[in-house]
Amino acid sequence: MFTGLVREIGTVRSLEGGRLVIETSITAELGDSIAVDGVCLTVVATEGGTLAFDAVPETLSRTSLGELAAGAGVNLEPALSVGDALGGHYVQGHVDGVGTYRGVADGLHWFDAPPEIARYVVEKGSIAVQGTSLTVAASDDTGFAVALIPHTLEVTTLGRLAPGARVNLEADVLAKYVEKLTRRV
């Protein structure tokens, strides 16, 4: 489990045959979980300031990770430990789908989301974009907007997005449970 509070921006060293290697100052042990752009991955190797992960074809096809190239920045967050502060919202690292960065309008950053994710988006609700916990400021028929403060733009990859960039989206897990519990059979 994660909070969506990005610890640092790592740099992709390589992605070959599903093995993703990232340069980072984060220390981790084999088997630890790290959210990489919002995707929960398991550390399979550590060496000289790098962490390595195996991303299976399912993960690469359902997220934006398969598009990563050497030199790309990625948001990194280690999994919560017992006693850690919860400053964002509950983020599982189970990406629901990939959306697209639309751009900035009236000071808000807009994202297009597939209908299967957009149905969970509510104003003042939570959503994770590239693993970053955000509050929805507005929505329309095809997506949602968030207000990003300068700090968030600086310490995450969100400040580097260009219109058309694909982003990992995870809807608030509470919305998914509410839907399931209230669905008429």
N, C-alpha and C. Protein backbone atom coordinates (compact mmCIF):
# COMPACT_ATOMS: atom_id res chain seq x y z
N MET A 1 0.84 -1.16 0.00
CA MET A 1 0.00 0.00 0.00
C MET A 1 0.89 1.23 0.00
N PHE A 2 0.40 2.29 -0.64
CA PHE A 2 1.14 3.53 -0.79
C PHE A 2 0.24 4.70 -0.42
N THR A 3 0.82 5.89 -0.36
CA THR A 3 0.04 7.09 -0.05
C THR A 3 -0.12 8.01 -1.26
N GLY A 4 0.69 7.79 -2.30
CA GLY A 4 0.67 8.69 -3.43
C GLY A 4 1.53 9.92 -3.22
N LEU A 5 2.37 9.90 -2.17
CA LEU A 5 3.32 10.98 -1.93
C LEU A 5 4.67 10.51 -2.46
N VAL A 6 5.03 11.01 -3.62
CA VAL A 6 6.23 10.56 -4.32
C VAL A 6 7.46 10.91 -3.49
N ARG A 7 8.34 9.93 -3.32
CA ARG A 7 9.57 10.14 -2.55
C ARG A 7 10.64 10.81 -3.38
N GLU A 8 10.78 10.38 -4.63
CA GLU A 8 11.77 11.00 -5.50
C GLU A 8 11.49 10.64 -6.95
N ILE A 9 12.15 11.38 -7.85
CA ILE A 9 12.11 11.05 -9.27
C ILE A 9 13.36 10.23 -9.56
N GLY A 10 13.16 8.98 -10.00
CA GLY A 10 14.27 8.14 -10.41
C GLY A 10 14.48 8.29 -11.90
N THR A 11 15.60 7.74 -12.39
CA THR A 11 15.92 7.81 -13.81
C THR A 11 16.04 6.39 -14.37
N VAL A 12 15.32 6.13 -15.44
CA VAL A 12 15.37 4.81 -16.07
C VAL A 12 16.75 4.62 -16.68
N ARG A 13 17.40 3.55 -16.29
CA ARG A 13 18.68 3.19 -16.90
C ARG A 13 18.42 2.30 -18.12
N SER A 14 17.47 1.34 -17.96
CA SER A 14 17.15 0.46 -19.08
C SER A 14 15.82 -0.23 -18.85
N LEU A 15 15.23 -0.69 -19.94
CA LEU A 15 14.05 -1.56 -19.94
C LEU A 15 14.25 -2.54 -21.08
N GLU A 16 14.66 -3.74 -20.72
CA GLU A 16 14.94 -4.77 -21.73
C GLU A 16 14.35 -6.09 -21.27
N GLY A 17 13.55 -6.71 -22.14
CA GLY A 17 12.98 -8.01 -21.82
C GLY A 17 12.15 -8.01 -20.56
N GLY A 18 11.54 -6.89 -20.24
CA GLY A 18 10.71 -6.79 -19.04
C GLY A 18 11.49 -6.42 -17.79
N ARG A 19 12.82 -6.38 -17.86
CA ARG A 19 13.64 -5.98 -16.70
C ARG A 19 13.83 -4.46 -16.74
N LEU A 20 13.26 -3.79 -15.75
CA LEU A 20 13.33 -2.35 -15.62
C LEU A 20 14.38 -2.01 -14.57
N VAL A 21 15.38 -1.23 -14.94
CA VAL A 21 16.44 -0.82 -14.02
C VAL A 21 16.37 0.70 -13.87
N ILE A 22 16.32 1.14 -12.60
CA ILE A 22 16.13 2.55 -12.29
C ILE A 22 17.23 3.04 -11.36
N GLU A 23 17.84 4.17 -11.70
CA GLU A 23 18.80 4.83 -10.82
C GLU A 23 18.02 5.61 -9.78
N THR A 24 18.39 5.43 -8.50
CA THR A 24 17.68 6.09 -7.42
C THR A 24 18.53 6.12 -6.16
N SER A 25 18.21 7.05 -5.27
CA SER A 25 18.88 7.07 -3.97
C SER A 25 18.09 6.28 -2.94
N ILE A 26 16.92 5.79 -3.32
CA ILE A 26 16.10 4.98 -2.40
C ILE A 26 16.80 3.65 -2.17
N THR A 27 16.91 3.27 -0.91
CA THR A 27 17.47 1.96 -0.59
C THR A 27 16.32 0.99 -0.34
N ALA A 28 16.48 -0.20 -0.85
CA ALA A 28 15.43 -1.21 -0.70
C ALA A 28 16.09 -2.58 -0.64
N GLU A 29 15.34 -3.53 -0.14
CA GLU A 29 15.78 -4.92 -0.05
C GLU A 29 15.09 -5.73 -1.15
N LEU A 30 15.67 -6.86 -1.49
CA LEU A 30 15.01 -7.77 -2.42
C LEU A 30 13.63 -8.11 -1.88
N GLY A 31 12.63 -8.06 -2.75
CA GLY A 31 11.26 -8.36 -2.36
C GLY A 31 10.45 -7.17 -1.91
N ASP A 32 11.09 -6.02 -1.69
CA ASP A 32 10.33 -4.82 -1.30
C ASP A 32 9.46 -4.35 -2.45
N SER A 33 8.35 -3.70 -2.10
CA SER A 33 7.47 -3.11 -3.10
C SER A 33 7.77 -1.63 -3.25
N ILE A 34 7.84 -1.19 -4.50
CA ILE A 34 8.07 0.22 -4.83
C ILE A 34 7.04 0.58 -5.90
N ALA A 35 6.38 1.72 -5.73
CA ALA A 35 5.49 2.21 -6.79
C ALA A 35 6.35 2.98 -7.79
N VAL A 36 6.31 2.54 -9.04
CA VAL A 36 7.03 3.18 -10.13
C VAL A 36 5.98 3.79 -11.06
N ASP A 37 5.89 5.11 -11.07
CA ASP A 37 4.83 5.81 -11.81
C ASP A 37 3.46 5.24 -11.45
N GLY A 38 3.32 4.87 -10.18
CA GLY A 38 2.04 4.37 -9.68
C GLY A 38 1.83 2.89 -9.81
N VAL A 39 2.78 2.16 -10.38
CA VAL A 39 2.66 0.72 -10.57
C VAL A 39 3.45 0.01 -9.48
N CYS A 40 2.80 -0.82 -8.69
CA CYS A 40 3.48 -1.57 -7.64
C CYS A 40 4.35 -2.65 -8.27
N LEU A 41 5.67 -2.53 -8.06
CA LEU A 41 6.63 -3.51 -8.58
C LEU A 41 7.48 -4.03 -7.44
N THR A 42 8.02 -5.24 -7.61
CA THR A 42 8.85 -5.88 -6.61
C THR A 42 10.32 -5.75 -6.97
N VAL A 43 11.13 -5.33 -6.01
CA VAL A 43 12.56 -5.22 -6.22
C VAL A 43 13.14 -6.62 -6.39
N VAL A 44 13.82 -6.86 -7.53
CA VAL A 44 14.43 -8.17 -7.79
C VAL A 44 15.95 -8.12 -7.79
N ALA A 45 16.53 -6.92 -7.79
CA ALA A 45 17.98 -6.77 -7.71
C ALA A 45 18.31 -5.34 -7.30
N THR A 46 19.42 -5.20 -6.59
CA THR A 46 19.94 -3.90 -6.21
C THR A 46 21.43 -3.90 -6.49
N GLU A 47 21.91 -2.79 -7.05
CA GLU A 47 23.34 -2.71 -7.32
C GLU A 47 23.74 -1.27 -7.61
N GLY A 48 24.68 -0.76 -6.86
CA GLY A 48 25.29 0.53 -7.14
C GLY A 48 24.33 1.66 -7.44
N GLY A 49 23.37 1.93 -6.56
CA GLY A 49 22.45 3.04 -6.79
C GLY A 49 21.34 2.75 -7.77
N THR A 50 21.11 1.46 -8.04
CA THR A 50 19.99 1.11 -8.92
C THR A 50 19.10 0.07 -8.25
N LEU A 51 17.86 0.08 -8.66
CA LEU A 51 16.90 -0.96 -8.29
C LEU A 51 16.39 -1.57 -9.59
N ALA A 52 16.24 -2.89 -9.59
CA ALA A 52 15.73 -3.58 -10.77
C ALA A 52 14.40 -4.25 -10.43
N PHE A 53 13.52 -4.28 -11.43
CA PHE A 53 12.18 -4.84 -11.30
C PHE A 53 11.89 -5.67 -12.54
N ASP A 54 11.10 -6.72 -12.39
CA ASP A 54 10.62 -7.47 -13.54
C ASP A 54 9.17 -7.07 -13.79
N ALA A 55 8.91 -6.54 -14.97
CA ALA A 55 7.56 -6.14 -15.37
C ALA A 55 7.06 -7.14 -16.40
N VAL A 56 6.01 -7.87 -16.05
CA VAL A 56 5.48 -8.90 -16.94
C VAL A 56 4.72 -8.24 -18.10
N PRO A 57 4.51 -8.97 -19.20
CA PRO A 57 3.80 -8.39 -20.35
C PRO A 57 2.45 -7.78 -19.98
N GLU A 58 1.71 -8.38 -19.06
CA GLU A 58 0.42 -7.84 -18.63
C GLU A 58 0.59 -6.42 -18.07
N THR A 59 1.59 -6.23 -17.24
CA THR A 59 1.86 -4.91 -16.66
C THR A 59 2.27 -3.92 -17.74
N LEU A 60 3.15 -4.34 -18.61
CA LEU A 60 3.63 -3.44 -19.67
C LEU A 60 2.53 -3.04 -20.63
N SER A 61 1.56 -3.93 -20.87
CA SER A 61 0.49 -3.61 -21.81
C SER A 61 -0.64 -2.78 -21.18
N ARG A 62 -0.81 -2.87 -19.88
CA ARG A 62 -1.91 -2.17 -19.20
C ARG A 62 -1.51 -0.85 -18.55
N THR A 63 -0.23 -0.51 -18.63
CA THR A 63 0.27 0.73 -18.03
C THR A 63 1.14 1.45 -19.06
N SER A 64 1.65 2.59 -18.65
CA SER A 64 2.55 3.32 -19.54
C SER A 64 4.01 2.88 -19.37
N LEU A 65 4.28 1.92 -18.50
CA LEU A 65 5.67 1.51 -18.26
C LEU A 65 6.35 0.96 -19.51
N GLY A 66 5.61 0.29 -20.38
CA GLY A 66 6.20 -0.28 -21.59
C GLY A 66 6.75 0.77 -22.54
N GLU A 67 6.39 2.02 -22.34
CA GLU A 67 6.85 3.12 -23.19
C GLU A 67 8.11 3.80 -22.67
N LEU A 68 8.60 3.36 -21.50
CA LEU A 68 9.76 4.01 -20.89
C LEU A 68 11.03 3.76 -21.71
N ALA A 69 11.88 4.76 -21.74
CA ALA A 69 13.17 4.67 -22.42
C ALA A 69 14.26 5.14 -21.45
N ALA A 70 15.48 4.75 -21.72
CA ALA A 70 16.61 5.18 -20.90
C ALA A 70 16.62 6.70 -20.79
N GLY A 71 16.83 7.17 -19.57
CA GLY A 71 16.86 8.60 -19.31
C GLY A 71 15.54 9.19 -18.85
N ALA A 72 14.45 8.44 -19.00
CA ALA A 72 13.14 8.94 -18.58
C ALA A 72 13.08 9.04 -17.06
N GLY A 73 12.37 10.04 -16.57
CA GLY A 73 12.13 10.18 -15.14
C GLY A 73 10.89 9.41 -14.74
N VAL A 74 10.93 8.80 -13.56
CA VAL A 74 9.77 8.07 -13.03
C VAL A 74 9.55 8.44 -11.57
N ASN A 75 8.29 8.55 -11.18
CA ASN A 75 7.94 8.81 -9.79
C ASN A 75 8.15 7.52 -8.99
N LEU A 76 8.80 7.65 -7.84
CA LEU A 76 9.07 6.49 -6.99
C LEU A 76 8.54 6.73 -5.58
N GLU A 77 7.90 5.68 -5.03
CA GLU A 77 7.44 5.71 -3.64
C GLU A 77 7.56 4.31 -3.06
N PRO A 78 8.35 4.15 -1.99
CA PRO A 78 8.38 2.85 -1.31
C PRO A 78 7.03 2.58 -0.64
N ALA A 79 6.73 1.30 -0.43
CA ALA A 79 5.49 0.92 0.24
C ALA A 79 5.50 1.42 1.68
N LEU A 80 4.31 1.63 2.20
CA LEU A 80 4.16 2.06 3.59
C LEU A 80 4.68 1.00 4.55
N SER A 81 5.22 1.46 5.64
CA SER A 81 5.58 0.58 6.75
C SER A 81 4.64 0.90 7.89
N VAL A 82 4.47 -0.05 8.80
CA VAL A 82 3.63 0.18 9.97
C VAL A 82 4.14 1.40 10.71
N GLY A 83 3.25 2.32 11.02
CA GLY A 83 3.60 3.53 11.75
C GLY A 83 3.90 4.73 10.87
N ASP A 84 4.00 4.53 9.53
CA ASP A 84 4.22 5.66 8.62
C ASP A 84 3.00 6.56 8.59
N ALA A 85 3.23 7.85 8.39
CA ALA A 85 2.13 8.81 8.28
C ALA A 85 1.40 8.61 6.96
N LEU A 86 0.09 8.80 6.99
CA LEU A 86 -0.73 8.74 5.77
C LEU A 86 -1.06 10.18 5.37
N GLY A 87 -0.29 10.73 4.45
CA GLY A 87 -0.49 12.12 4.07
C GLY A 87 -1.28 12.28 2.80
N GLY A 88 -1.35 11.27 1.95
CA GLY A 88 -2.06 11.37 0.69
C GLY A 88 -3.40 10.66 0.82
N HIS A 89 -3.60 9.63 0.02
CA HIS A 89 -4.76 8.75 0.17
C HIS A 89 -4.30 7.32 -0.09
N TYR A 90 -5.16 6.35 0.22
CA TYR A 90 -4.79 4.96 0.00
C TYR A 90 -4.61 4.71 -1.49
N VAL A 91 -3.40 4.31 -1.88
CA VAL A 91 -3.08 3.98 -3.26
C VAL A 91 -2.54 2.56 -3.24
N GLN A 92 -3.10 1.71 -4.07
CA GLN A 92 -2.70 0.30 -4.07
C GLN A 92 -1.54 0.00 -5.01
N GLY A 93 -1.34 0.84 -6.00
CA GLY A 93 -0.33 0.54 -7.00
C GLY A 93 -0.86 -0.40 -8.07
N HIS A 94 -2.19 -0.54 -8.10
CA HIS A 94 -2.87 -1.36 -9.11
C HIS A 94 -3.53 -0.41 -10.10
N VAL A 95 -2.80 -0.06 -11.13
CA VAL A 95 -3.26 0.93 -12.10
C VAL A 95 -4.54 0.44 -12.78
N ASP A 96 -5.53 1.32 -12.83
CA ASP A 96 -6.81 0.97 -13.46
C ASP A 96 -6.79 1.15 -14.97
N GLY A 97 -5.90 2.02 -15.45
CA GLY A 97 -5.83 2.26 -16.88
C GLY A 97 -4.92 3.43 -17.18
N VAL A 98 -4.80 3.71 -18.46
CA VAL A 98 -3.93 4.79 -18.91
C VAL A 98 -4.78 5.92 -19.48
N GLY A 99 -4.49 7.12 -19.04
CA GLY A 99 -5.15 8.31 -19.55
C GLY A 99 -4.16 9.16 -20.32
N THR A 100 -4.60 10.34 -20.71
CA THR A 100 -3.76 11.25 -21.49
C THR A 100 -3.79 12.64 -20.88
N TYR A 101 -2.62 13.25 -20.80
CA TYR A 101 -2.53 14.62 -20.32
C TYR A 101 -3.04 15.56 -21.40
N ARG A 102 -4.05 16.33 -21.08
CA ARG A 102 -4.67 17.25 -22.03
C ARG A 102 -3.94 18.59 -22.07
N GLY A 103 -3.50 19.08 -20.91
CA GLY A 103 -2.82 20.37 -20.83
C GLY A 103 -3.42 21.23 -19.74
N VAL A 104 -3.01 22.49 -19.72
CA VAL A 104 -3.44 23.43 -18.69
C VAL A 104 -4.48 24.37 -19.27
N ALA A 105 -5.56 24.57 -18.52
CA ALA A 105 -6.60 25.54 -18.88
C ALA A 105 -7.09 26.19 -17.60
N ASP A 106 -7.09 27.51 -17.58
CA ASP A 106 -7.55 28.27 -16.41
C ASP A 106 -6.83 27.84 -15.13
N GLY A 107 -5.55 27.52 -15.25
CA GLY A 107 -4.75 27.16 -14.09
C GLY A 107 -4.90 25.74 -13.62
N LEU A 108 -5.75 24.96 -14.28
CA LEU A 108 -5.95 23.56 -13.90
C LEU A 108 -5.29 22.64 -14.93
N HIS A 109 -4.77 21.53 -14.46
CA HIS A 109 -4.16 20.52 -15.33
C HIS A 109 -5.22 19.47 -15.65
N TRP A 110 -5.51 19.30 -16.94
CA TRP A 110 -6.58 18.41 -17.39
C TRP A 110 -6.03 17.09 -17.94
N PHE A 111 -6.75 16.02 -17.62
CA PHE A 111 -6.41 14.68 -18.08
C PHE A 111 -7.64 14.04 -18.68
N ASP A 112 -7.48 13.34 -19.80
CA ASP A 112 -8.57 12.53 -20.35
C ASP A 112 -8.44 11.15 -19.73
N ALA A 113 -9.58 10.55 -19.42
CA ALA A 113 -9.60 9.24 -18.77
C ALA A 113 -10.57 8.32 -19.49
N PRO A 114 -10.25 7.04 -19.60
CA PRO A 114 -11.19 6.09 -20.20
C PRO A 114 -12.49 6.05 -19.36
N PRO A 115 -13.62 5.74 -19.99
CA PRO A 115 -14.90 5.73 -19.27
C PRO A 115 -14.90 4.82 -18.04
N GLU A 116 -14.17 3.71 -18.10
CA GLU A 116 -14.16 2.79 -16.96
C GLU A 116 -13.44 3.38 -15.74
N ILE A 117 -12.69 4.44 -15.92
CA ILE A 117 -12.07 5.14 -14.80
C ILE A 117 -12.84 6.42 -14.50
N ALA A 118 -13.27 7.12 -15.53
CA ALA A 118 -13.97 8.41 -15.35
C ALA A 118 -15.21 8.26 -14.48
N ARG A 119 -15.84 7.11 -14.50
CA ARG A 119 -17.07 6.95 -13.70
C ARG A 119 -16.80 7.03 -12.20
N TYR A 120 -15.54 6.85 -11.78
CA TYR A 120 -15.17 6.93 -10.36
C TYR A 120 -14.69 8.32 -9.96
N VAL A 121 -14.56 9.22 -10.91
CA VAL A 121 -14.01 10.54 -10.64
C VAL A 121 -15.11 11.48 -10.17
N VAL A 122 -14.89 12.06 -8.98
CA VAL A 122 -15.84 13.02 -8.43
C VAL A 122 -15.07 14.24 -7.93
N GLU A 123 -15.68 15.39 -8.07
CA GLU A 123 -15.06 16.61 -7.59
C GLU A 123 -14.76 16.50 -6.10
N LYS A 124 -13.56 16.88 -5.73
CA LYS A 124 -13.02 16.82 -4.37
C LYS A 124 -12.67 15.39 -3.96
N GLY A 125 -12.81 14.43 -4.87
CA GLY A 125 -12.39 13.06 -4.61
C GLY A 125 -10.92 12.89 -4.93
N SER A 126 -10.41 11.71 -4.63
CA SER A 126 -8.99 11.42 -4.85
C SER A 126 -8.78 10.60 -6.12
N ILE A 127 -7.62 10.82 -6.74
CA ILE A 127 -7.18 10.02 -7.87
C ILE A 127 -5.65 10.02 -7.85
N ALA A 128 -5.05 8.93 -8.30
CA ALA A 128 -3.59 8.88 -8.43
C ALA A 128 -3.24 8.98 -9.90
N VAL A 129 -2.37 9.93 -10.23
CA VAL A 129 -1.86 10.12 -11.59
C VAL A 129 -0.36 9.91 -11.53
N GLN A 130 0.15 8.92 -12.26
CA GLN A 130 1.58 8.58 -12.21
C GLN A 130 2.01 8.31 -10.77
N GLY A 131 1.09 7.76 -9.97
CA GLY A 131 1.40 7.43 -8.59
C GLY A 131 1.32 8.59 -7.63
N THR A 132 0.88 9.75 -8.09
CA THR A 132 0.80 10.95 -7.26
C THR A 132 -0.63 11.15 -6.79
N SER A 133 -0.81 11.24 -5.48
CA SER A 133 -2.13 11.46 -4.90
C SER A 133 -2.59 12.87 -5.19
N LEU A 134 -3.75 12.99 -5.85
CA LEU A 134 -4.27 14.30 -6.23
C LEU A 134 -5.75 14.40 -5.89
N THR A 135 -6.21 15.64 -5.75
CA THR A 135 -7.63 15.92 -5.51
C THR A 135 -8.24 16.46 -6.79
N VAL A 136 -9.36 15.90 -7.18
CA VAL A 136 -10.05 16.32 -8.39
C VAL A 136 -10.68 17.69 -8.16
N ALA A 137 -10.37 18.64 -9.04
CA ALA A 137 -10.91 19.99 -8.93
C ALA A 137 -12.13 20.19 -9.82
N ALA A 138 -12.19 19.46 -10.94
CA ALA A 138 -13.30 19.59 -11.88
C ALA A 138 -13.31 18.36 -12.78
N SER A 139 -14.42 18.16 -13.45
CA SER A 139 -14.50 17.07 -14.42
C SER A 139 -15.42 17.47 -15.56
N ASP A 140 -15.27 16.77 -16.68
CA ASP A 140 -16.15 16.97 -17.82
C ASP A 140 -16.46 15.60 -18.41
N ASP A 141 -17.01 15.56 -19.61
CA ASP A 141 -17.45 14.30 -20.20
C ASP A 141 -16.31 13.33 -20.51
N THR A 142 -15.08 13.84 -20.66
CA THR A 142 -13.99 12.95 -21.06
C THR A 142 -12.84 12.87 -20.07
N GLY A 143 -12.92 13.63 -18.97
CA GLY A 143 -11.81 13.57 -18.04
C GLY A 143 -12.00 14.43 -16.82
N PHE A 144 -10.87 14.86 -16.25
CA PHE A 144 -10.88 15.58 -14.99
C PHE A 144 -9.71 16.56 -14.94
N ALA A 145 -9.80 17.47 -13.98
CA ALA A 145 -8.73 18.45 -13.78
C ALA A 145 -8.29 18.43 -12.33
N VAL A 146 -7.02 18.76 -12.13
CA VAL A 146 -6.46 18.89 -10.79
C VAL A 146 -5.70 20.22 -10.72
N ALA A 147 -5.60 20.77 -9.53
CA ALA A 147 -4.79 21.97 -9.30
C ALA A 147 -3.46 21.49 -8.74
N LEU A 148 -2.38 21.80 -9.43
CA LEU A 148 -1.05 21.35 -9.01
C LEU A 148 -0.26 22.53 -8.47
N ILE A 149 0.21 22.40 -7.23
CA ILE A 149 1.03 23.45 -6.64
C ILE A 149 2.46 23.34 -7.18
N PRO A 150 3.22 24.43 -7.12
CA PRO A 150 4.59 24.39 -7.64
C PRO A 150 5.44 23.26 -7.04
N HIS A 151 5.27 22.97 -5.76
CA HIS A 151 6.04 21.90 -5.13
C HIS A 151 5.79 20.56 -5.82
N THR A 152 4.54 20.24 -6.08
CA THR A 152 4.20 18.97 -6.74
C THR A 152 4.78 18.93 -8.15
N LEU A 153 4.70 20.03 -8.86
CA LEU A 153 5.26 20.09 -10.21
C LEU A 153 6.78 19.88 -10.19
N GLU A 154 7.43 20.30 -9.12
CA GLU A 154 8.89 20.20 -9.02
C GLU A 154 9.35 18.80 -8.58
N VAL A 155 8.64 18.18 -7.64
CA VAL A 155 9.14 16.92 -7.04
C VAL A 155 8.53 15.66 -7.65
N THR A 156 7.70 15.83 -8.67
CA THR A 156 7.15 14.69 -9.40
C THR A 156 7.39 14.92 -10.89
N THR A 157 7.09 13.91 -11.68
CA THR A 157 7.24 14.06 -13.13
C THR A 157 6.07 14.81 -13.76
N LEU A 158 5.06 15.16 -12.97
CA LEU A 158 3.90 15.86 -13.52
C LEU A 158 4.27 17.20 -14.13
N GLY A 159 5.30 17.85 -13.61
CA GLY A 159 5.75 19.12 -14.16
C GLY A 159 6.44 18.98 -15.51
N ARG A 160 6.75 17.76 -15.91
CA ARG A 160 7.44 17.50 -17.18
C ARG A 160 6.48 17.05 -18.29
N LEU A 161 5.20 16.89 -17.96
CA LEU A 161 4.25 16.36 -18.95
C LEU A 161 4.00 17.34 -20.08
N ALA A 162 3.92 16.81 -21.28
CA ALA A 162 3.52 17.57 -22.46
C ALA A 162 2.14 17.08 -22.88
N PRO A 163 1.32 17.94 -23.47
CA PRO A 163 0.02 17.47 -23.94
C PRO A 163 0.17 16.22 -24.81
N GLY A 164 -0.69 15.25 -24.56
CA GLY A 164 -0.66 13.99 -25.28
C GLY A 164 0.09 12.89 -24.54
N ALA A 165 0.82 13.25 -23.48
CA ALA A 165 1.56 12.24 -22.71
C ALA A 165 0.59 11.26 -22.06
N ARG A 166 0.96 9.99 -22.11
CA ARG A 166 0.13 8.95 -21.48
C ARG A 166 0.52 8.80 -20.02
N VAL A 167 -0.49 8.68 -19.15
CA VAL A 167 -0.27 8.62 -17.70
C VAL A 167 -1.06 7.47 -17.09
N ASN A 168 -0.46 6.89 -16.05
CA ASN A 168 -1.13 5.83 -15.30
C ASN A 168 -2.15 6.45 -14.36
N LEU A 169 -3.34 5.86 -14.32
CA LEU A 169 -4.42 6.35 -13.46
C LEU A 169 -4.89 5.24 -12.53
N GLU A 170 -5.07 5.59 -11.27
CA GLU A 170 -5.69 4.67 -10.31
C GLU A 170 -6.79 5.42 -9.59
N ALA A 171 -8.01 4.95 -9.78
CA ALA A 171 -9.16 5.56 -9.11
C ALA A 171 -9.12 5.22 -7.63
N ASP A 172 -9.80 6.02 -6.85
CA ASP A 172 -9.87 5.79 -5.41
C ASP A 172 -10.53 4.44 -5.14
N VAL A 173 -9.86 3.59 -4.40
CA VAL A 173 -10.37 2.24 -4.13
C VAL A 173 -11.72 2.29 -3.40
N LEU A 174 -11.94 3.32 -2.59
CA LEU A 174 -13.22 3.41 -1.89
C LEU A 174 -14.38 3.54 -2.87
N ALA A 175 -14.19 4.29 -3.95
CA ALA A 175 -15.24 4.45 -4.95
C ALA A 175 -15.57 3.10 -5.59
N LYS A 176 -14.57 2.28 -5.82
CA LYS A 176 -14.80 0.96 -6.44
C LYS A 176 -15.57 0.04 -5.49
N TYR A 177 -15.26 0.10 -4.20
CA TYR A 177 -15.98 -0.72 -3.23
C TYR A 177 -17.43 -0.25 -3.08
N VAL A 178 -17.62 1.07 -3.04
CA VAL A 178 -18.99 1.60 -2.93
C VAL A 178 -19.81 1.14 -4.12
N GLU A 179 -19.25 1.20 -5.32
CA GLU A 179 -19.97 0.75 -6.51
C GLU A 179 -20.37 -0.72 -6.38
N LYS A 180 -19.43 -1.55 -5.97
CA LYS A 180 -19.71 -2.97 -5.87
C LYS A 180 -20.77 -3.25 -4.82
N LEU A 181 -20.69 -2.58 -3.68
CA LEU A 181 -21.64 -2.83 -2.58
C LEU A 181 -23.04 -2.31 -2.88
N THR A 182 -23.14 -1.29 -3.73
CA THR A 182 -24.45 -0.72 -4.03
C THR A 182 -25.05 -1.20 -5.35
N ARG A 183 -24.28 -2.00 -6.08
CA ARG A 183 -24.77 -2.53 -7.36
C ARG A 183 -25.96 -3.46 -7.13
N ARG A 184 -26.99 -3.23 -7.89
CA ARG A 184 -28.18 -4.10 -7.77
C ARG A 184 -27.94 -5.38 -8.55
N VAL A 185 -28.27 -6.48 -7.95
CA VAL A 185 -28.04 -7.79 -8.58
C VAL A 185 -29.21 -8.17 -9.45
